[in-house]
């Protein structure tokens, strides 16, 4: 529950690979007033956390909307965070942590990122991005609301996925 309240996906399957840690410090959960049954809620958490791709996440969203009605904001945040985690995993990012004034992104030892994309990002916006050691990108942005953090995280991962 602490992970959910902190805006992270819970680790419900301890045998699964951990992957990227996405921390956006927004409420990312399925509210109990939206889905009162604890067992069903936990089942959905596990299914969301184990989704293999964005299409599977979309199918889960559609299923939840069909069964329980429109998603409240914390549930939409949960799906957005899960999608960001999938993208970060593919890029070889271990940590994506964004708060009110920015945050950091920590890479695996061999990320699947074209170094030119990272250089373009830093050179194009040096007031917002800089390397802090060999594996950490520091981010300085005004991200005082959850939507701004989600948008910034999505944009950053898209920019890093671009090649030459």
Protein backbone atom coordinates (compact mmCIF):
# COMPACT_ATOMS: atom_id res chain seq x y z
CA UNK A 1 0.00 0.00 0.00
CA UNK A 2 2.92 2.37 0.68
CA UNK A 3 4.11 1.95 -2.91
CA UNK A 4 0.66 2.82 -4.22
CA UNK A 5 0.30 5.90 -2.05
CA UNK A 6 3.76 7.05 -3.18
CA UNK A 7 2.69 6.71 -6.81
CA UNK A 8 4.56 3.50 -7.60
CA UNK A 9 3.29 0.14 -8.78
CA UNK A 10 3.36 -2.47 -6.01
CA UNK A 11 5.60 -5.50 -6.37
CA UNK A 12 2.98 -8.24 -6.10
CA UNK A 13 4.97 -11.06 -7.69
CA UNK A 14 8.33 -11.41 -6.00
CA UNK A 15 9.48 -13.99 -8.55
CA UNK A 16 9.05 -11.62 -11.52
CA UNK A 17 11.95 -9.47 -12.74
CA UNK A 18 11.86 -6.09 -11.03
CA UNK A 19 12.49 -3.76 -13.99
CA UNK A 20 12.33 0.01 -13.85
CA UNK A 21 11.28 1.84 -10.72
CA UNK A 22 8.95 4.70 -11.71
CA UNK A 23 8.27 7.26 -8.95
CA UNK A 24 6.10 10.21 -9.90
CA UNK A 25 4.80 11.04 -6.42
CA UNK A 26 1.17 11.04 -7.54
CA UNK A 27 -1.70 8.89 -6.30
CA UNK A 28 -1.56 5.84 -8.56
CA UNK A 29 -4.02 3.28 -7.25
CA UNK A 30 -7.43 1.72 -7.66
CA UNK A 31 -9.60 3.50 -5.07
CA UNK A 32 -11.66 1.20 -2.87
CA UNK A 33 -14.77 3.30 -3.52
CA UNK A 34 -14.31 2.57 -7.25
CA UNK A 35 -13.65 -1.16 -6.79
CA UNK A 36 -14.69 -2.20 -3.26
CA UNK A 37 -13.76 -5.90 -3.50
CA UNK A 38 -10.20 -6.30 -2.17
CA UNK A 39 -9.54 -9.57 -3.98
CA UNK A 40 -10.63 -8.16 -7.35
CA UNK A 41 -8.58 -5.02 -6.75
CA UNK A 42 -5.46 -7.06 -5.95
CA UNK A 43 -6.06 -9.20 -9.04
CA UNK A 44 -6.15 -6.07 -11.20
CA UNK A 45 -2.97 -4.73 -9.56
CA UNK A 46 -1.20 -7.97 -10.39
CA UNK A 47 -2.50 -7.97 -13.97
CA UNK A 48 -1.45 -4.34 -14.48
CA UNK A 49 1.99 -4.93 -13.01
CA UNK A 50 2.54 -7.99 -15.20
CA UNK A 51 1.26 -6.47 -18.47
CA UNK A 52 3.77 -7.14 -21.24
CA UNK A 53 2.95 -4.17 -23.46
CA UNK A 54 0.83 -1.06 -23.91
CA UNK A 55 -1.87 -2.99 -25.81
CA UNK A 56 -2.37 -5.30 -22.83
CA UNK A 57 -2.65 -2.26 -20.55
CA UNK A 58 -5.28 -0.73 -22.85
CA UNK A 59 -7.26 -3.98 -22.77
CA UNK A 60 -7.18 -3.93 -18.96
CA UNK A 61 -8.35 -0.31 -18.93
CA UNK A 62 -11.26 -1.17 -21.24
CA UNK A 63 -12.16 -4.15 -19.06
CA UNK A 64 -12.17 -2.04 -15.90
CA UNK A 65 -14.27 0.69 -17.54
CA UNK A 66 -16.74 -1.92 -18.84
CA UNK A 67 -17.06 -3.54 -15.43
CA UNK A 68 -16.81 -0.62 -13.01
CA UNK A 69 -17.30 2.64 -14.95
CA UNK A 70 -14.97 5.47 -15.93
CA UNK A 71 -11.57 5.36 -14.26
CA UNK A 72 -10.97 7.88 -11.48
CA UNK A 73 -7.77 9.94 -11.70
CA UNK A 74 -5.70 7.72 -9.36
CA UNK A 75 -6.52 4.68 -11.52
CA UNK A 76 -5.64 6.59 -14.71
CA UNK A 77 -2.34 7.52 -13.02
CA UNK A 78 -1.76 3.85 -12.21
CA UNK A 79 -2.12 2.89 -15.88
CA UNK A 80 0.04 5.81 -17.01
CA UNK A 81 2.75 4.79 -14.52
CA UNK A 82 2.58 1.18 -15.73
CA UNK A 83 3.00 2.36 -19.33
CA UNK A 84 5.99 4.50 -18.37
CA UNK A 85 7.53 1.52 -16.58
CA UNK A 86 7.23 -0.58 -19.75
CA UNK A 87 8.89 2.15 -21.83
CA UNK A 88 11.64 2.67 -19.25
CA UNK A 89 12.30 -1.09 -19.12
CA UNK A 90 12.76 -1.22 -22.89
CA UNK A 91 15.23 1.66 -22.76
CA UNK A 92 17.33 0.18 -19.97
CA UNK A 93 16.33 2.71 -17.33
CA UNK A 94 16.47 1.54 -13.72
CA UNK A 95 14.87 4.57 -12.06
CA UNK A 96 12.66 7.43 -13.18
CA UNK A 97 11.94 9.72 -10.22
CA UNK A 98 10.14 13.05 -10.75
CA UNK A 99 8.83 15.43 -8.11
CA UNK A 100 7.81 19.09 -7.85
CA UNK A 101 11.09 20.53 -9.12
CA UNK A 102 12.35 17.72 -11.33
CA UNK A 103 14.24 14.60 -10.40
CA UNK A 104 16.53 12.01 -11.88
CA UNK A 105 16.74 9.18 -14.30
CA UNK A 106 19.23 6.36 -13.65
CA UNK A 107 20.38 4.10 -16.49
CA UNK A 108 21.33 0.42 -16.51
CA UNK A 109 24.97 -0.39 -17.23
CA UNK A 110 24.14 -0.82 -20.94
CA UNK A 111 20.96 1.14 -21.74
CA UNK A 112 19.19 0.77 -25.08
CA UNK A 113 19.48 4.50 -25.74
CA UNK A 114 21.28 6.12 -28.61
CA UNK A 115 23.91 8.33 -26.91
CA UNK A 116 23.22 10.99 -29.55
CA UNK A 117 19.63 11.33 -28.29
CA UNK A 118 20.91 11.94 -24.76
CA UNK A 119 23.52 14.45 -26.00
CA UNK A 120 20.87 16.29 -28.06
CA UNK A 121 18.61 16.49 -25.01
CA UNK A 122 21.33 17.88 -22.73
CA UNK A 123 22.81 20.28 -25.30
CA UNK A 124 19.36 21.46 -26.40
CA UNK A 125 18.17 22.22 -22.86
CA UNK A 126 21.18 22.50 -20.53
CA UNK A 127 19.11 24.51 -18.03
CA UNK A 128 16.87 21.44 -17.55
CA UNK A 129 19.12 18.41 -18.05
CA UNK A 130 22.64 17.44 -17.00
CA UNK A 131 24.55 14.27 -16.30
CA UNK A 132 25.33 13.54 -12.66
CA UNK A 133 27.95 10.81 -12.87
CA UNK A 134 28.07 8.15 -15.56
CA UNK A 135 24.57 6.72 -15.05
CA UNK A 136 22.28 9.50 -13.79
CA UNK A 137 20.51 12.25 -15.68
CA UNK A 138 19.45 15.15 -13.44
CA UNK A 139 16.24 16.90 -14.41
CA UNK A 140 15.33 20.45 -13.35
CA UNK A 141 11.74 21.23 -14.33
CA UNK A 142 8.75 22.83 -12.61
CA UNK A 143 6.42 19.84 -12.21
CA UNK A 144 4.07 20.88 -9.43
CA UNK A 145 1.13 18.74 -10.54
CA UNK A 146 0.77 15.10 -11.42
CA UNK A 147 -0.25 15.66 -15.04
CA UNK A 148 2.89 17.74 -15.63
CA UNK A 149 5.03 14.91 -14.21
CA UNK A 150 3.32 12.27 -16.34
CA UNK A 151 3.68 14.41 -19.47
CA UNK A 152 7.33 15.23 -18.71
CA UNK A 153 8.18 11.57 -18.05
CA UNK A 154 6.45 10.45 -21.26
CA UNK A 155 8.17 13.19 -23.31
CA UNK A 156 11.56 12.37 -21.83
CA UNK A 157 11.25 8.66 -22.61
CA UNK A 158 10.10 9.44 -26.16
CA UNK A 159 13.05 11.81 -26.67
CA UNK A 160 15.50 9.20 -25.38
CA UNK A 161 14.02 6.50 -27.61
CA UNK A 162 14.72 8.56 -30.74
CA UNK A 163 17.81 7.66 -32.69
CA UNK A 164 20.14 9.64 -34.96
